[in-house]
C-alpha atoms as a PDB file:
ATOM      1  CA  MET A   1       2.663  -5.361  -1.535  1.00  0.00           C
ATOM      2  CA  ALA A   2       1.826  -7.714   1.280  1.00  0.00           C
ATOM      3  CA  THR A   3      -0.748  -6.757   4.374  1.00  0.00           C
ATOM      4  CA  ARG A   4      -1.325  -8.879   7.118  1.00  0.00           C
ATOM      5  CA  VAL A   5      -4.423  -9.530   8.288  1.00  0.00           C
ATOM      6  CA  THR A   6      -5.085  -7.639  11.180  1.00  0.00           C
ATOM      7  CA  VAL A   7      -8.587  -7.195  13.504  1.00  0.00           C
ATOM      8  CA  ILE A   8      -7.449  -4.716  16.262  1.00  0.00           C
ATOM      9  CA  VAL A   9      -8.782  -3.878  19.739  1.00  0.00           C
ATOM     10  CA  VAL A  10      -9.325  -0.527  19.701  1.00  0.00           C
ATOM     11  CA  ARG A  11     -10.809   2.510  21.841  1.00  0.00           C
ATOM     12  CA  VAL A  12     -13.279   4.920  20.310  1.00  0.00           C
ATOM     13  CA  GLU A  13     -12.003   8.294  19.831  1.00  0.00           C
ATOM     14  CA  ASN A  14     -13.368  11.408  18.700  1.00  0.00           C
ATOM     15  CA  LEU A  15     -16.720  11.099  18.972  1.00  0.00           C
ATOM     16  CA  ARG A  16     -18.577  13.959  16.887  1.00  0.00           C
ATOM     17  CA  PRO A  17     -21.352  15.213  15.344  1.00  0.00           C
ATOM     18  CA  HIS A  18     -22.526  13.950  11.865  1.00  0.00           C
ATOM     19  CA  PRO A  19     -22.547  17.414   9.760  1.00  0.00           C
ATOM     20  CA  ASN A  20     -25.375  15.967   7.514  1.00  0.00           C
ATOM     21  CA  ALA A  21     -27.049  13.711   9.289  1.00  0.00           C
ATOM     22  CA  ASP A  22     -28.567  13.869  12.905  1.00  0.00           C
ATOM     23  CA  ARG A  23     -29.266   9.943  13.945  1.00  0.00           C
ATOM     24  CA  LEU A  24     -25.248   9.726  12.804  1.00  0.00           C
ATOM     25  CA  GLU A  25     -22.220  10.456  14.779  1.00  0.00           C
ATOM     26  CA  LEU A  26     -18.490  10.732  13.592  1.00  0.00           C
ATOM     27  CA  CYS A  27     -15.631   8.804  15.229  1.00  0.00           C
ATOM     28  CA  ASP A  28     -11.821   7.845  14.500  1.00  0.00           C
ATOM     29  CA  VAL A  29     -10.202   4.458  15.391  1.00  0.00           C
ATOM     30  CA  LEU A  30      -7.000   3.963  14.714  1.00  0.00           C
ATOM     31  CA  GLY A  31      -6.381   5.976  11.199  1.00  0.00           C
ATOM     32  CA  TRP A  32      -9.993   5.052  10.220  1.00  0.00           C
ATOM     33  CA  GLN A  33     -13.498   7.019  10.224  1.00  0.00           C
ATOM     34  CA  MET A  34     -16.399   5.698  10.842  1.00  0.00           C
ATOM     35  CA  ALA A  35     -19.813   6.768  11.030  1.00  0.00           C
ATOM     36  CA  VAL A  36     -22.110   5.113  13.775  1.00  0.00           C
ATOM     37  CA  PRO A  37     -25.729   5.388  15.278  1.00  0.00           C
ATOM     38  CA  LYS A  38     -25.994   8.529  17.658  1.00  0.00           C
ATOM     39  CA  GLY A  39     -25.601   7.534  21.447  1.00  0.00           C
ATOM     40  CA  ALA A  40     -24.072   4.037  20.042  1.00  0.00           C
ATOM     41  CA  TYR A  41     -20.948   4.894  21.659  1.00  0.00           C
ATOM     42  CA  GLN A  42     -18.902   7.014  24.378  1.00  0.00           C
ATOM     43  CA  ASN A  43     -15.224   7.674  23.740  1.00  0.00           C
ATOM     44  CA  GLY A  44     -13.087   5.443  25.747  1.00  0.00           C
ATOM     45  CA  ASP A  45     -15.213   2.664  24.070  1.00  0.00           C
ATOM     46  CA  LYS A  46     -13.584  -0.464  23.853  1.00  0.00           C
ATOM     47  CA  LEU A  47     -14.295  -2.046  20.697  1.00  0.00           C
ATOM     48  CA  VAL A  48     -13.183  -4.915  18.009  1.00  0.00           C
ATOM     49  CA  TYR A  49     -12.381  -3.153  14.911  1.00  0.00           C
ATOM     50  CA  PHE A  50     -12.597  -5.211  11.230  1.00  0.00           C
ATOM     51  CA  PRO A  51     -10.824  -2.433   8.528  1.00  0.00           C
ATOM     52  CA  PRO A  52     -12.455  -2.789   4.430  1.00  0.00           C
ATOM     53  CA  ASP A  53     -11.070  -5.787   3.195  1.00  0.00           C
ATOM     54  CA  THR A  54     -11.316  -8.257   6.365  1.00  0.00           C
ATOM     55  CA  LEU A  55     -13.371 -11.494   4.765  1.00  0.00           C
ATOM     56  CA  ILE A  56     -15.295 -12.481   8.488  1.00  0.00           C
ATOM     57  CA  PRO A  57     -16.816 -15.948   8.600  1.00  0.00           C
ATOM     58  CA  ALA A  58     -20.819 -16.507   8.549  1.00  0.00           C
ATOM     59  CA  THR A  59     -21.231 -17.569  11.746  1.00  0.00           C
ATOM     60  CA  TRP A  60     -19.773 -14.125  13.234  1.00  0.00           C
ATOM     61  CA  ALA A  61     -21.409 -11.689  10.836  1.00  0.00           C
ATOM     62  CA  ASP A  62     -24.982 -14.062  11.589  1.00  0.00           C
ATOM     63  CA  ALA A  63     -24.375 -13.316  15.054  1.00  0.00           C
ATOM     64  CA  TRP A  64     -24.033  -9.728  14.667  1.00  0.00           C
ATOM     65  CA  ASN A  65     -26.487  -9.273  12.572  1.00  0.00           C
ATOM     66  CA  VAL A  66     -24.460  -7.315   9.500  1.00  0.00           C
ATOM     67  CA  ARG A  67     -24.642 -10.054   6.660  1.00  0.00           C
ATOM     68  CA  GLN A  68     -26.545  -7.572   5.079  1.00  0.00           C
ATOM     69  CA  TYR A  69     -24.046  -4.836   5.649  1.00  0.00           C
ATOM     70  CA  LEU A  70     -21.049  -6.840   3.896  1.00  0.00           C
ATOM     71  CA  LYS A  71     -20.127  -7.056   0.036  1.00  0.00           C
ATOM     72  CA  GLY A  72     -18.479 -10.022  -1.774  1.00  0.00           C
ATOM     73  CA  LYS A  73     -21.281 -12.646  -3.493  1.00  0.00           C
ATOM     74  CA  ASP A  74     -20.824 -14.488  -0.182  1.00  0.00           C
ATOM     75  CA  LYS A  75     -21.963 -11.087   1.833  1.00  0.00           C
ATOM     76  CA  ASP A  76     -18.267 -11.921   3.817  1.00  0.00           C
ATOM     77  CA  ARG A  77     -16.278  -8.792   2.834  1.00  0.00           C
ATOM     78  CA  VAL A  78     -16.077  -5.684   4.946  1.00  0.00           C
ATOM     79  CA  GLY A  79     -16.421  -2.624   3.076  1.00  0.00           C
ATOM     80  CA  ARG A  80     -16.345   0.902   2.821  1.00  0.00           C
ATOM     81  CA  ILE A  81     -19.218   3.156   2.410  1.00  0.00           C
ATOM     82  CA  GLN A  82     -20.096   7.261   1.939  1.00  0.00           C
ATOM     83  CA  LEU A  83     -22.861   8.216   4.317  1.00  0.00           C
ATOM     84  CA  ARG A  84     -24.518  12.045   3.875  1.00  0.00           C
ATOM     85  CA  GLY A  85     -21.094  13.260   2.586  1.00  0.00           C
ATOM     86  CA  GLU A  86     -18.688  11.581   5.017  1.00  0.00           C
ATOM     87  CA  ALA A  87     -16.574   8.658   4.617  1.00  0.00           C
ATOM     88  CA  SER A  88     -16.884   5.741   7.186  1.00  0.00           C
ATOM     89  CA  PHE A  89     -14.649   2.571   6.520  1.00  0.00           C
ATOM     90  CA  GLY A  90     -15.162  -1.066   8.285  1.00  0.00           C
ATOM     91  CA  LEU A  91     -16.861  -2.769  10.493  1.00  0.00           C
ATOM     92  CA  ALA A  92     -16.350  -2.364  14.753  1.00  0.00           C
ATOM     93  CA  VAL A  93     -18.490  -4.544  17.184  1.00  0.00           C
ATOM     94  CA  ARG A  94     -18.810  -5.016  20.866  1.00  0.00           C
ATOM     95  CA  LEU A  95     -15.881  -7.662  22.451  1.00  0.00           C
ATOM     96  CA  PRO A  96     -17.612 -11.052  22.945  1.00  0.00           C
ATOM     97  CA  PRO A  97     -18.506 -10.608  26.670  1.00  0.00           C
ATOM     98  CA  ASP A  98     -16.056 -13.727  27.875  1.00  0.00           C
ATOM     99  CA  GLN A  99     -13.456 -11.311  26.550  1.00  0.00           C
ATOM    100  CA  ASP A 100     -11.216  -8.606  27.690  1.00  0.00           C
ATOM    101  CA  TRP A 101      -8.483  -7.805  25.650  1.00  0.00           C
ATOM    102  CA  ALA A 102      -5.943  -5.218  25.910  1.00  0.00           C
ATOM    103  CA  VAL A 103      -6.441  -2.617  23.869  1.00  0.00           C
ATOM    104  CA  GLY A 104      -3.949  -3.046  20.687  1.00  0.00           C
ATOM    105  CA  THR A 105      -4.603  -7.003  20.643  1.00  0.00           C
ATOM    106  CA  ASN A 106      -4.757  -8.193  17.468  1.00  0.00           C
ATOM    107  CA  VAL A 107      -7.699 -11.042  17.168  1.00  0.00           C
ATOM    108  CA  ALA A 108      -8.099 -12.070  13.787  1.00  0.00           C
ATOM    109  CA  GLU A 109      -6.812 -15.567  14.725  1.00  0.00           C
ATOM    110  CA  PHE A 110      -9.932 -15.648  17.936  1.00  0.00           C
ATOM    111  CA  PHE A 111     -12.594 -14.474  15.011  1.00  0.00           C
ATOM    112  CA  GLY A 112     -10.792 -16.831  11.867  1.00  0.00           C
ATOM    113  CA  ALA A 113     -11.177 -13.164   9.993  1.00  0.00           C
ATOM    114  CA  THR A 114      -9.070 -13.567   6.915  1.00  0.00           C
ATOM    115  CA  LYS A 115      -7.365 -10.443   4.269  1.00  0.00           C
ATOM    116  CA  TRP A 116      -9.549 -10.730   0.721  1.00  0.00           C
ATOM    117  CA  GLU A 117      -7.205 -10.647  -1.855  1.00  0.00           C
ATOM    118  CA  PRO A 118      -7.827  -9.287  -5.428  1.00  0.00           C
ATOM    119  CA  PRO A 119      -7.189 -11.007  -8.657  1.00  0.00           C
ATOM    120  CA  VAL A 120      -4.265 -12.019  -9.747  1.00  0.00           C
ATOM    121  CA  ASN A 121      -3.148  -9.959 -12.691  1.00  0.00           C
ATOM    122  CA  PRO A 122      -2.034 -12.856 -15.549  1.00  0.00           C
ATOM    123  CA  CYS A 123       0.203 -10.841 -17.917  1.00  0.00           C
ATOM    124  CA  GLY A 124       3.408 -11.000 -15.949  1.00  0.00           C
ATOM    125  CA  GLY A 125       5.414 -13.245 -18.182  1.00  0.00           C
ATOM    126  CA  ASP A 126       6.649 -16.686 -16.704  1.00  0.00           C
ATOM    127  CA  PRO A 127       8.711 -17.322 -13.271  1.00  0.00           C
ATOM    128  CA  ASP A 128      12.055 -18.052 -13.482  1.00  0.00           C
ATOM    129  CA  GLU A 129      14.049 -20.084 -10.869  1.00  0.00           C
ATOM    130  CA  PRO A 130      14.439 -18.088  -7.608  1.00  0.00           C
ATOM    131  CA  HIS A 131      17.574 -16.494  -6.668  1.00  0.00           C
ATOM    132  CA  PRO A 132      18.702 -16.014  -3.254  1.00  0.00           C
ATOM    133  CA  LEU A 133      20.155 -12.465  -3.792  1.00  0.00           C
ATOM    134  CA  PHE A 134      17.414 -11.152  -5.733  1.00  0.00           C
ATOM    135  CA  ASP A 135      15.431  -9.720  -2.544  1.00  0.00           C
ATOM    136  CA  LYS A 136      11.899  -8.657  -1.985  1.00  0.00           C
ATOM    137  CA  TYR A 137      10.504  -5.648  -1.055  1.00  0.00           C
ATOM    138  CA  THR A 138       9.607  -4.454   2.260  1.00  0.00           C
ATOM    139  CA  ASP A 139       6.092  -5.487   3.394  1.00  0.00           C
ATOM    140  CA  ILE A 140       4.196  -2.176   3.431  1.00  0.00           C
ATOM    141  CA  GLU A 141       1.951  -1.837   6.051  1.00  0.00           C
ATOM    142  CA  ASN A 142      -1.280   0.147   6.001  1.00  0.00           C
ATOM    143  CA  LEU A 143      -0.722   3.023   8.207  1.00  0.00           C
ATOM    144  CA  ARG A 144      -4.373   3.470   9.338  1.00  0.00           C
ATOM    145  CA  ASN A 145      -4.260   0.032  10.999  1.00  0.00           C
ATOM    146  CA  TYR A 146      -0.957   1.222  12.954  1.00  0.00           C
ATOM    147  CA  PRO A 147      -1.531   5.110  13.144  1.00  0.00           C
ATOM    148  CA  ALA A 148       1.273   5.249  16.434  1.00  0.00           C
ATOM    149  CA  VAL A 149       4.566   3.700  14.241  1.00  0.00           C
ATOM    150  CA  LEU A 150       5.380   7.073  12.748  1.00  0.00           C
ATOM    151  CA  ARG A 151       5.459   9.838  15.417  1.00  0.00           C
ATOM    152  CA  ASP A 152       4.281  13.189  15.742  1.00  0.00           C
ATOM    153  CA  GLY A 153       7.405  15.844  14.768  1.00  0.00           C
ATOM    154  CA  GLU A 154       9.270  13.048  12.783  1.00  0.00           C
ATOM    155  CA  GLU A 155      10.679  14.209   9.423  1.00  0.00           C
ATOM    156  CA  VAL A 156       9.040  12.007   6.944  1.00  0.00           C
ATOM    157  CA  VAL A 157       9.099  12.140   3.193  1.00  0.00           C
ATOM    158  CA  CYS A 158       5.667  11.432   1.366  1.00  0.00           C
ATOM    159  CA  THR A 159       5.652  10.323  -2.428  1.00  0.00           C
ATOM    160  CA  GLU A 160       2.457   9.878  -4.633  1.00  0.00           C
ATOM    161  CA  LYS A 161       1.374   5.822  -4.146  1.00  0.00           C
ATOM    162  CA  ILE A 162       0.934   4.997  -7.735  1.00  0.00           C
ATOM    163  CA  HIS A 163      -1.549   2.217  -8.934  1.00  0.00           C
ATOM    164  CA  GLY A 164       0.509  -0.418 -10.692  1.00  0.00           C
ATOM    165  CA  THR A 165       2.560  -3.487 -10.026  1.00  0.00           C
ATOM    166  CA  ASN A 166       5.511  -3.507  -7.636  1.00  0.00           C
ATOM    167  CA  CYS A 167       8.547  -4.306  -9.691  1.00  0.00           C
ATOM    168  CA  ARG A 168      12.190  -4.939  -8.878  1.00  0.00           C
ATOM    169  CA  VAL A 169      15.024  -5.403 -11.512  1.00  0.00           C
ATOM    170  CA  GLY A 170      18.526  -5.599 -10.525  1.00  0.00           C
ATOM    171  CA  LEU A 171      22.351  -6.897 -10.981  1.00  0.00           C
ATOM    172  CA  ILE A 172      23.281  -9.691  -8.849  1.00  0.00           C
ATOM    173  CA  GLU A 173      26.559 -11.471  -8.995  1.00  0.00           C
ATOM    174  CA  GLY A 174      26.896  -9.425 -12.935  1.00  0.00           C
ATOM    175  CA  VAL A 175      23.381 -11.118 -14.052  1.00  0.00           C
ATOM    176  CA  GLU A 176      20.601  -8.890 -15.010  1.00  0.00           C
ATOM    177  CA  MET A 177      17.347  -9.944 -13.595  1.00  0.00           C
ATOM    178  CA  ALA A 178      13.697  -8.958 -13.224  1.00  0.00           C
ATOM    179  CA  GLY A 179      10.890  -9.772 -11.231  1.00  0.00           C
ATOM    180  CA  SER A 180       7.289  -8.797  -9.888  1.00  0.00           C
ATOM    181  CA  MET A 181       6.828  -8.704  -5.991  1.00  0.00           C
ATOM    182  CA  GLU A 182       7.063 -12.451  -5.368  1.00  0.00           C
ATOM    183  CA  LEU A 183       8.620 -13.965  -8.379  1.00  0.00           C
ATOM    184  CA  ARG A 184      11.508 -13.575 -10.524  1.00  0.00           C
ATOM    185  CA  ARG A 185      10.601 -13.549 -14.079  1.00  0.00           C
ATOM    186  CA  LYS A 186      12.506 -15.054 -17.524  1.00  0.00           C
ATOM    187  CA  ARG A 187      14.250 -12.661 -19.678  1.00  0.00           C
ATOM    188  CA  PRO A 188      12.208 -12.582 -23.279  1.00  0.00           C
ATOM    189  CA  ALA A 189      14.214 -14.595 -25.903  1.00  0.00           C
ATOM    190  CA  ASP A 190      13.631 -11.633 -27.858  1.00  0.00           C
ATOM    191  CA  GLU A 191      15.092  -8.141 -26.683  1.00  0.00           C
ATOM    192  CA  ALA A 192      13.138  -6.340 -28.651  1.00  0.00           C
ATOM    193  CA  GLN A 193      10.189  -8.230 -26.359  1.00  0.00           C
ATOM    194  CA  LEU A 194      11.898  -5.859 -23.323  1.00  0.00           C
ATOM    195  CA  ALA A 195       9.679  -2.959 -24.035  1.00  0.00           C
ATOM    196  CA  ILE A 196       6.621  -4.406 -23.166  1.00  0.00           C
ATOM    197  CA  ASN A 197       6.911  -7.157 -20.939  1.00  0.00           C
ATOM    198  CA  THR A 198       5.548  -5.802 -17.783  1.00  0.00           C
ATOM    199  CA  TYR A 199       8.825  -6.968 -15.508  1.00  0.00           C
ATOM    200  CA  TRP A 200      11.231  -6.294 -17.617  1.00  0.00           C
ATOM    201  CA  PHE A 201      10.268  -3.216 -19.365  1.00  0.00           C
ATOM    202  CA  PRO A 202      12.035  -1.218 -16.641  1.00  0.00           C
ATOM    203  CA  TRP A 203      15.513  -2.372 -18.140  1.00  0.00           C
ATOM    204  CA  THR A 204      14.881  -0.115 -21.255  1.00  0.00           C
ATOM    205  CA  VAL A 205      14.264   3.135 -19.724  1.00  0.00           C
ATOM    206  CA  PRO A 206      16.775   5.732 -19.790  1.00  0.00           C
ATOM    207  CA  GLY A 207      19.030   5.622 -17.190  1.00  0.00           C
ATOM    208  CA  VAL A 208      17.954   2.467 -15.268  1.00  0.00           C
ATOM    209  CA  ARG A 209      20.583  -0.041 -16.964  1.00  0.00           C
ATOM    210  CA  GLU A 210      23.069   2.734 -16.556  1.00  0.00           C
ATOM    211  CA  LEU A 211      22.579   3.334 -12.561  1.00  0.00           C
ATOM    212  CA  VAL A 212      22.287  -0.411 -12.122  1.00  0.00           C
ATOM    213  CA  HIS A 213      25.758  -0.984 -13.315  1.00  0.00           C
ATOM    214  CA  ALA A 214      27.556   1.659 -11.858  1.00  0.00           C
ATOM    215  CA  ILE A 215      26.816   1.646  -8.185  1.00  0.00           C
ATOM    216  CA  ALA A 216      27.622  -2.235  -8.894  1.00  0.00           C
ATOM    217  CA  ALA A 217      30.697  -0.964  -9.917  1.00  0.00           C
ATOM    218  CA  ARG A 218      31.857   1.950  -7.833  1.00  0.00           C
ATOM    219  CA  ARG A 219      30.643  -0.230  -4.628  1.00  0.00           C
ATOM    220  CA  GLN A 220      31.933  -3.533  -6.205  1.00  0.00           C
ATOM    221  CA  ALA A 221      28.405  -4.737  -4.941  1.00  0.00           C
ATOM    222  CA  LYS A 222      27.353  -8.381  -5.433  1.00  0.00           C
ATOM    223  CA  GLN A 223      23.698  -7.058  -5.312  1.00  0.00           C
ATOM    224  CA  VAL A 224      21.991  -3.774  -6.795  1.00  0.00           C
ATOM    225  CA  ILE A 225      18.107  -3.755  -7.066  1.00  0.00           C
ATOM    226  CA  ILE A 226      15.826  -0.961  -7.948  1.00  0.00           C
ATOM    227  CA  PHE A 227      12.366  -1.100  -7.187  1.00  0.00           C
ATOM    228  CA  GLY A 228       9.611   0.598  -8.615  1.00  0.00           C
ATOM    229  CA  GLU A 229       5.821   0.616  -9.867  1.00  0.00           C
ATOM    230  CA  VAL A 230       5.169  -0.095 -13.602  1.00  0.00           C
ATOM    231  CA  PHE A 231       2.241   1.643 -14.751  1.00  0.00           C
ATOM    232  CA  GLY A 232      -0.286   1.727 -17.639  1.00  0.00           C
ATOM    233  CA  GLY A 233      -3.503   0.622 -18.605  1.00  0.00           C
ATOM    234  CA  SER A 234      -1.975  -2.840 -19.261  1.00  0.00           C
ATOM    235  CA  VAL A 235      -2.152  -3.203 -15.327  1.00  0.00           C
ATOM    236  CA  GLN A 236      -4.420  -1.679 -13.486  1.00  0.00           C
ATOM    237  CA  SER A 237      -7.587   0.825 -14.045  1.00  0.00           C
ATOM    238  CA  LEU A 238      -6.150   4.197 -13.388  1.00  0.00           C
ATOM    239  CA  ASP A 239      -3.605   4.517 -16.835  1.00  0.00           C
ATOM    240  CA  TYR A 240      -1.979   7.578 -15.605  1.00  0.00           C
ATOM    241  CA  GLY A 241      -2.233   8.920 -19.252  1.00  0.00           C
ATOM    242  CA  LEU A 242      -0.932   5.429 -20.843  1.00  0.00           C
ATOM    243  CA  PRO A 243      -4.133   3.570 -22.336  1.00  0.00           C
ATOM    244  CA  LYS A 244      -4.097  -0.069 -22.798  1.00  0.00           C
ATOM    245  CA  GLY A 245      -2.130  -0.408 -25.869  1.00  0.00           C
ATOM    246  CA  ARG A 246       0.017   2.581 -25.454  1.00  0.00           C
ATOM    247  CA  GLY A 247       3.152   1.463 -23.335  1.00  0.00           C
ATOM    248  CA  LEU A 248       4.224   1.174 -20.078  1.00  0.00           C
ATOM    249  CA  GLY A 249       5.442   3.338 -17.384  1.00  0.00           C
ATOM    250  CA  PHE A 250       7.925   2.935 -14.445  1.00  0.00           C
ATOM    251  CA  ARG A 251       8.732   5.287 -11.635  1.00  0.00           C
ATOM    252  CA  ALA A 252      11.886   4.122  -8.975  1.00  0.00           C
ATOM    253  CA  PHE A 253      11.100   4.592  -5.003  1.00  0.00           C
ATOM    254  CA  ASP A 254      13.823   2.491  -3.511  1.00  0.00           C
ATOM    255  CA  LEU A 255      17.558   1.385  -3.962  1.00  0.00           C
ATOM    256  CA  LEU A 256      19.177  -1.912  -1.892  1.00  0.00           C
ATOM    257  CA  VAL A 257      22.843  -2.564  -2.848  1.00  0.00           C
ATOM    258  CA  ASP A 258      24.320  -5.623  -1.110  1.00  0.00           C
ATOM    259  CA  ARG A 259      21.216  -5.902   1.411  1.00  0.00           C
ATOM    260  CA  GLN A 260      21.401  -2.078   2.571  1.00  0.00           C
ATOM    261  CA  PHE A 261      18.503   0.083   1.474  1.00  0.00           C
ATOM    262  CA  LEU A 262      20.264   3.308   0.847  1.00  0.00           C
ATOM    263  CA  GLU A 263      18.733   6.573   2.942  1.00  0.00           C
ATOM    264  CA  TYR A 264      16.040   8.172   0.979  1.00  0.00           C
ATOM    265  CA  ASP A 265      18.327  11.608   0.075  1.00  0.00           C
ATOM    266  CA  GLU A 266      20.782   8.878  -1.233  1.00  0.00           C
ATOM    267  CA  PHE A 267      18.581   7.370  -3.217  1.00  0.00           C
ATOM    268  CA  GLU A 268      17.037  10.025  -4.873  1.00  0.00           C
ATOM    269  CA  ALA A 269      20.250  11.769  -5.362  1.00  0.00           C
ATOM    270  CA  VAL A 270      21.213   9.077  -7.610  1.00  0.00           C
ATOM    271  CA  CYS A 271      18.218   8.325  -9.521  1.00  0.00           C
ATOM    272  CA  CYS A 272      19.147  12.177  -9.808  1.00  0.00           C
ATOM    273  CA  GLU A 273      22.411  12.152 -11.703  1.00  0.00           C
ATOM    274  CA  PHE A 274      21.051   9.056 -13.493  1.00  0.00           C
ATOM    275  CA  GLY A 275      18.153  10.418 -15.146  1.00  0.00           C
ATOM    276  CA  VAL A 276      15.574   7.632 -13.775  1.00  0.00           C
ATOM    277  CA  PRO A 277      12.256   8.655 -13.193  1.00  0.00           C
ATOM    278  CA  ILE A 278      11.392   8.391  -9.113  1.00  0.00           C
ATOM    279  CA  ALA A 279       7.777   8.513  -7.538  1.00  0.00           C
ATOM    280  CA  PRO A 280       6.372  12.412  -7.049  1.00  0.00           C
ATOM    281  CA  VAL A 281       7.638  13.724  -3.477  1.00  0.00           C
ATOM    282  CA  LEU A 282       4.168  15.018  -2.250  1.00  0.00           C
ATOM    283  CA  TYR A 283       5.010  16.207   1.355  1.00  0.00           C
ATOM    284  CA  ARG A 284       8.627  16.228   3.248  1.00  0.00           C
ATOM    285  CA  GLY A 285       8.255  17.451   7.062  1.00  0.00           C
ATOM    286  CA  SER A 286       7.282  16.975   9.962  1.00  0.00           C
ATOM    287  CA  PHE A 287       5.253  13.942  10.203  1.00  0.00           C
ATOM    288  CA  SER A 288       1.565  14.259  11.326  1.00  0.00           C
ATOM    289  CA  LEU A 289      -1.411  11.998  10.359  1.00  0.00           C
ATOM    290  CA  ALA A 290      -3.591  15.121   9.518  1.00  0.00           C
ATOM    291  CA  THR A 291      -0.396  16.293   7.025  1.00  0.00           C
ATOM    292  CA  VAL A 292      -0.533  12.718   5.408  1.00  0.00           C
ATOM    293  CA  ARG A 293      -4.670  12.332   4.665  1.00  0.00           C
ATOM    294  CA  ALA A 294      -4.257  15.570   3.170  1.00  0.00           C
ATOM    295  CA  ALA A 295      -1.766  14.651   0.834  1.00  0.00           C
ATOM    296  CA  SER A 296      -3.013  11.368   0.044  1.00  0.00           C
ATOM    297  CA  GLU A 297      -6.257  13.184  -1.644  1.00  0.00           C
ATOM    298  CA  GLY A 298      -6.278  15.423  -5.117  1.00  0.00           C
ATOM    299  CA  PRO A 299      -5.789  14.451  -8.506  1.00  0.00           C
ATOM    300  CA  SER A 300      -2.693  11.986  -9.626  1.00  0.00           C
ATOM    301  CA  THR A 301       0.474  14.249 -10.088  1.00  0.00           C
ATOM    302  CA  VAL A 302       2.258  11.536 -12.466  1.00  0.00           C
ATOM    303  CA  GLY A 303      -0.430  11.912 -15.362  1.00  0.00           C
ATOM    304  CA  GLY A 304      -3.716  10.845 -16.518  1.00  0.00           C
ATOM    305  CA  ALA A 305      -7.019  12.816 -15.163  1.00  0.00           C
ATOM    306  CA  HIS A 306      -7.956  10.685 -12.291  1.00  0.00           C
ATOM    307  CA  VAL A 307      -7.772  10.264  -8.608  1.00  0.00           C
ATOM    308  CA  ARG A 308      -4.573  10.062  -6.188  1.00  0.00           C
ATOM    309  CA  GLU A 309      -4.387   6.536  -5.052  1.00  0.00           C
ATOM    310  CA  GLY A 310      -2.862   7.685  -2.214  1.00  0.00           C
ATOM    311  CA  VAL A 311       0.806   8.390  -0.383  1.00  0.00           C
ATOM    312  CA  VAL A 312       3.219   6.014   0.789  1.00  0.00           C
ATOM    313  CA  VAL A 313       5.428   7.711   3.529  1.00  0.00           C
ATOM    314  CA  ARG A 314       8.997   7.045   5.151  1.00  0.00           C
ATOM    315  CA  PRO A 315      11.139   8.641   7.719  1.00  0.00           C
ATOM    316  CA  VAL A 316      13.499  10.551   5.926  1.00  0.00           C
ATOM    317  CA  ARG A 317      15.734   8.762   8.573  1.00  0.00           C
ATOM    318  CA  GLN A 318      15.338   5.007   8.148  1.00  0.00           C
ATOM    319  CA  ARG A 319      14.814   3.020  10.895  1.00  0.00           C
ATOM    320  CA  THR A 320      12.910  -0.105  12.001  1.00  0.00           C
ATOM    321  CA  ASP A 321       9.262  -0.717  14.209  1.00  0.00           C
ATOM    322  CA  ALA A 322       8.971  -4.211  16.513  1.00  0.00           C
ATOM    323  CA  GLN A 323       5.082  -4.097  14.773  1.00  0.00           C
ATOM    324  CA  VAL A 324       5.777  -3.586  11.267  1.00  0.00           C
ATOM    325  CA  GLY A 325       9.736  -3.890  10.568  1.00  0.00           C
ATOM    326  CA  ARG A 326      11.190  -1.625   8.265  1.00  0.00           C
ATOM    327  CA  VAL A 327       9.173   1.454   8.656  1.00  0.00           C
ATOM    328  CA  VAL A 328       7.598   2.170   5.074  1.00  0.00           C
ATOM    329  CA  MET A 329       4.210   2.512   5.272  1.00  0.00           C
ATOM    330  CA  LYS A 330       1.105   3.354   2.907  1.00  0.00           C
ATOM    331  CA  TYR A 331      -1.942   5.409   3.530  1.00  0.00           C
ATOM    332  CA  LEU A 332      -4.828   5.444   0.607  1.00  0.00           C
ATOM    333  CA  GLY A 333      -6.966   8.220   0.121  1.00  0.00           C
ATOM    334  CA  ASP A 334     -10.763   8.356   1.062  1.00  0.00           C
ATOM    335  CA  ALA A 335     -11.392  10.047  -2.636  1.00  0.00           C
ATOM    336  CA  TYR A 336      -9.690   6.329  -4.104  1.00  0.00           C
ATOM    337  CA  LEU A 337     -10.853   4.273  -1.409  1.00  0.00           C
ATOM    338  CA  LEU A 338     -14.678   5.249  -2.076  1.00  0.00           C
ATOM    339  CA  SER A 339     -14.419   4.691  -5.865  1.00  0.00           C
ATOM    340  CA  GLN A 340     -14.692   1.951  -8.111  1.00  0.00           C
ATOM    341  CA  ALA A 341     -11.273   2.034  -9.609  1.00  0.00           C
ATOM    342  CA  SER A 342     -10.474  -1.999  -9.822  1.00  0.00           C
ATOM    343  CA  ASP A 343      -7.614  -3.681  -8.717  1.00  0.00           C
ATOM    344  CA  PHE A 344      -5.332  -6.678  -9.377  1.00  0.00           C
ATOM    345  CA  LYS A 345      -2.902  -8.221  -7.116  1.00  0.00           C
ATOM    346  CA  ASP A 346       1.057  -8.092  -7.434  1.00  0.00           C
ATOM    347  CA  VAL A 347       2.421 -11.385  -7.245  1.00  0.00           C
END
């Protein structure tokens, strides 16, 4: 799921003592926690914040004398670390002397910052010709970068974010299709291969075909697309109890009918009617960042003895926002971000 490059002008908030280090303090920037040298900043100070996995050009990294703290073979990637038991994410620097940007300004272009992308998963199958009605999914932005998009007290639903690959399967003008986040994928010539093809596999999941065809018939729809996550050891490092060679899993998380996403309650009811498995609901109720943060931590509820990746959070009544478009946000847990779990990019 694509994420834009964000290097935001922020103010330091909630400066507080580090519980385990006399020379460090903790502070909040946007939805991230940082550990900073004691006395370096005051609440309200204006800084430029580079989130984890931002790539910083060498000229700026050298000017700030931070190359030794950056990751990657070129020492250019902003990271995350645990310092004396507290998570610290990203890099914050003072504004250049000749700039006075407003808080909230995205200055990624000014600094030439780009987004690090994980390697591409090579096992997705051959691409097929795109179809104008086989729509891609909503770009999901990081709630830590846009903590004000959701409103305190707004009713939201948090589902477990599964560490797999984004998938879409649909009936488009009577033709069954399947694809990854970016590409439509060719149907295997041998029907027996559907169950082992990453993106066609959901068609073999009980209830999926029945749901898609039934909704198309009921609504006389030209377009019905189920969006979900395919997972297992052959897809990502977290296998959810399905090690490589032991099959795939699938959980649905959204349904599009003639270019209208169903409200969450209707989506859940339709999937229940046909027995289609959905991403587990971890919390439903009034939004607060602290509640989302708590829901993002802990063991996975999908399967496997490993950490939860995080949550996807959306309003129960869907809406759009000028900054991010359709409001569907992700929040990855601290434990996952600090782990060594490997990742592959959806294409």
